[in-house]
């Protein structure tokens, strides 16, 4: 049973202490961000160190800033420390090396710099060690596997580590995941990795590793019978074609630069300049694309003398850049109640992963649909590497943080659906680079700032939903330039100023929802030019002046709400007579305005607007009851 109670700490925030299972009171402090609560900010409180019995300190997935307090190294009872996915900066304190009982150490996804204190590499009880995605540097100690014999998971990826891969790593015999990708590691890959019998995931990609025509480590890896993921892309690995590596023993993806046509060719799309992101086919000396086209010295007896490898993997027909982008998405997920991401692994092609759809011909990711899965986390900027993406749907989850600016590089994107989450910040400034956008739905988030007038240049846009956010400023008149627009919802924000008359240029518009803002001035008479309108909602603003007389031109109108404004009848109530032409009208609300009929102020009802029944007649409308459905 899980008990929860407030634990008073000297901070402006009340932290929640979660006591789980049989843990003694005061031993577990979990304030990681989940789908249940908003994330916390500020600095990590140095007085956590006064919790002398603390065994678990979990602060992951928040917005903590500043440095890691050195005093945390005084919590000698600590077994589990996770500060992952925050905004922490500075060095890793050497004092953390005093945590002699530590088993779980996770500082990934921050902005930490400097070197990893040598003392941390000497805590022999650690089974998970992750400092991935920081700005750390220095060499990996040669004794790593000797000092951390209980390692099951280590990730040093996406940093600036240099030097060789320590051969002692094979002494961590229980290792299941070994990830040192995206660094500046040099030298050969150890040829005794086959001793790691429990190894499942191995990633040395994107380094400066060399093979000098010796790939004997691959033969060793055939002993790792549990290995399901092997990445060696973007290194300086070569193999002489007379080496006895059989196609049956291992599959090797060939770099697709010279002699290889990337899938964009012939598709009428832009051509990638990164030739080495493509990795198709198997290594088979009898049918390798010539890497030295035009170089007579590269060919001997019709066979390439040396073969440049971009990556080695256990599957065929893959695109490494997209796989890494998808794994980056997975890495930012903190809550996955339906375990959707448990099958995002190398046991099947990524095009068969739940939520992922690919094009039939080029096997590139064209849709990512993770809607309504109760996920929590934030969005990786590496999403921008899914350059063929057309549909991106995360609606009805609990994603938070900013929408990455990098998303504007998705030039083929047609649908951006992020509604009902907790995204913060502003809409990406250069969203208009996605010229193919047809739908942008960010309803019900925590977005702020002004609406970018440049959105008016999205000539193919049909749906623009920005409702239930914190947008300020005025409605850009340029939105009236989007002739394709069918649905425009800006309701429940903090918009002010007049409603632009240019919105009347939207001849295809069916839904216009501007309610619950601070809009003022008159209802533009040009609105009747949007003759296809079905739903027109301007309630709960500060609109003034008369209601346009010719609303009856909107013959498709079904829902009309002008309630709770300061509208008057200075031009009379002839608009009601006009409305009798709207034969489909089923909801009419004029409540809480200053409409005058028969020389008296119309009584302002406080109840809900009621539906107009089939018995409604022209005479009924002419009575100008403030609110009818």
Foldseek 3Di string as FASTA:
>chain_A
DKDKDWDDDPDPDTFIFIDDDPDPPLAEGAQADALPDAADEEADDLCVLVSQNHAEDHREFHAYEEADRLSVLNNLNYAEDEHDQYAYEEEDHLSVLSNLNYAYAYHDNYAYEEEDRPSVLQSQNHAEAEHEDYAYEEEDDLQSCVRHLCHAYYAHYDYAYEEADRPSVLSVQNHAEDHHDQYAYEEEDDLQNLSNQNYAEYEHANYAYEQPQPPNSLVSVLSNVNHQWFKHADYFYKHFLVDPDDQVSFFAWAQQDPQHDAPCPPVPDDDDPPSRQFTADGDDQVDDRQPDVPDPVQDDPNTGRMGGGRIGTRDGGAGVLQLVLVVQQVVFWDDQPVPQCVPSGRPDHNCPRPQFHADPPNRATATGAPDQRQIEGEGDLSPLSSQNYAYYAHEPYAYEEADDLSVLSNQNYAEDHHDDYAYEEADNPNVVSNLNHAEDAHHQYAYEEEDDLSVLNSQNHAYDHPYNYAYEEEDRLSVLNNLNYAEDAHEQYAYEEEDHLSVLSNLNYAYDHHDNYAYEEADRLSVLSVQNHAEDHHEHYAYEEEDHLQNLSNQNYAEEEHDHYAYEQPVHDNSLVSVVSNVNHWWDAQANYQYDDPNHGADHDDDAAETDDPPDDSVNSVVPNHTHD
